[in-house]
Amino acid sequence: MGPEASSEYFNINGSIQSANTSLYLNVGSDSTSYKTLTFGTAASTSAWALEGDTIITAQGSTWGRREYLTCADLTLM
């Protein structure tokens, strides 16, 4: 993810771990239909899967089969 010169590499095996920083990508427990994605030192999400070249949460997971879109923090007006 990101520009090639500063891109991240990830290991995906149920959890997603950055090969650069060793941090794990986790899904937040928000009560909204959209969920926050955060990096942490421990893997609290073990439902990540690959579908072709798309990263999803698996069908049988708490979140069901979902694709995730990330964006920069936004201030809503």
Protein backbone atom coordinates (compact mmCIF):
# COMPACT_ATOMS: atom_id res chain seq x y z
CA MET A 1 0.00 0.00 0.00
CA GLY A 2 1.21 3.52 -0.73
CA PRO A 3 3.83 4.87 -3.10
CA GLU A 4 6.31 2.25 -4.26
CA ALA A 5 9.30 4.00 -2.68
CA SER A 6 7.71 3.84 0.78
CA SER A 7 5.27 0.96 0.31
CA GLU A 8 4.39 -1.60 2.94
CA TYR A 9 4.58 -5.35 2.52
CA PHE A 10 2.16 -7.62 4.39
CA ASN A 11 1.88 -11.24 5.48
CA ILE A 12 -1.72 -12.45 5.19
CA ASN A 13 -2.64 -15.66 7.00
CA GLY A 14 -5.89 -15.12 8.89
CA SER A 15 -4.33 -11.99 10.35
CA ILE A 16 -2.59 -9.23 8.38
CA GLN A 17 0.87 -8.29 9.65
CA SER A 18 3.14 -5.62 8.22
CA ALA A 19 6.46 -7.12 7.16
CA ASN A 20 7.97 -3.65 7.62
CA THR A 21 6.77 -2.77 11.14
CA SER A 22 5.38 -6.11 12.48
CA LEU A 23 2.10 -4.32 13.36
CA TYR A 24 -1.24 -6.07 12.76
CA LEU A 25 -4.24 -4.66 10.90
CA ASN A 26 -7.42 -4.96 12.98
CA VAL A 27 -11.12 -4.21 12.45
CA GLY A 28 -12.71 -1.95 15.07
CA SER A 29 -15.77 -2.90 17.13
CA ASP A 30 -17.79 0.12 15.97
CA SER A 31 -21.58 -0.25 16.10
CA THR A 32 -21.90 1.49 12.73
CA SER A 33 -22.06 -0.23 9.34
CA TYR A 34 -18.58 1.13 8.61
CA LYS A 35 -15.68 -0.05 10.74
CA THR A 36 -12.42 1.58 11.73
CA LEU A 37 -9.20 -0.13 10.70
CA THR A 38 -6.23 0.27 13.02
CA PHE A 39 -2.73 -1.10 13.39
CA GLY A 40 -1.78 -2.66 16.72
CA THR A 41 0.94 -4.75 18.31
CA ALA A 42 -1.42 -7.73 18.64
CA ALA A 43 -3.76 -9.35 16.12
CA SER A 44 -7.37 -9.00 17.30
CA THR A 45 -8.74 -9.82 13.82
CA SER A 46 -8.06 -13.32 12.53
CA ALA A 47 -10.71 -13.39 9.80
CA TRP A 48 -8.76 -11.84 6.92
CA ALA A 49 -8.75 -13.75 3.64
CA LEU A 50 -7.83 -13.25 0.00
CA GLU A 51 -10.34 -13.48 -2.82
CA GLY A 52 -8.26 -13.16 -5.96
CA ASP A 53 -6.30 -9.95 -5.35
CA THR A 54 -8.91 -8.52 -2.95
CA ILE A 55 -8.49 -8.58 0.84
CA ILE A 56 -11.76 -9.46 2.59
CA THR A 57 -13.04 -10.70 5.92
CA ALA A 58 -14.16 -14.30 5.50
CA GLN A 59 -17.77 -15.40 5.04
CA GLY A 60 -18.04 -17.17 8.42
CA SER A 61 -16.46 -14.35 10.41
CA THR A 62 -18.15 -11.91 12.81
CA TRP A 63 -18.27 -9.35 10.00
CA GLY A 64 -19.28 -11.76 7.24
CA ARG A 65 -17.69 -11.48 3.81
CA ARG A 66 -16.75 -7.83 3.40
CA GLU A 67 -14.36 -5.80 1.31
CA TYR A 68 -12.73 -2.82 2.99
CA LEU A 69 -11.96 0.60 1.57
CA THR A 70 -9.51 2.82 3.39
CA CYS A 71 -9.21 6.57 3.21
CA ALA A 72 -7.45 9.37 5.03
CA ASP A 73 -9.07 10.88 8.12
CA LEU A 74 -11.79 13.29 7.11
CA THR A 75 -13.43 16.12 8.96
CA LEU A 76 -17.14 16.15 8.23
CA MET A 77 -18.82 19.51 7.94
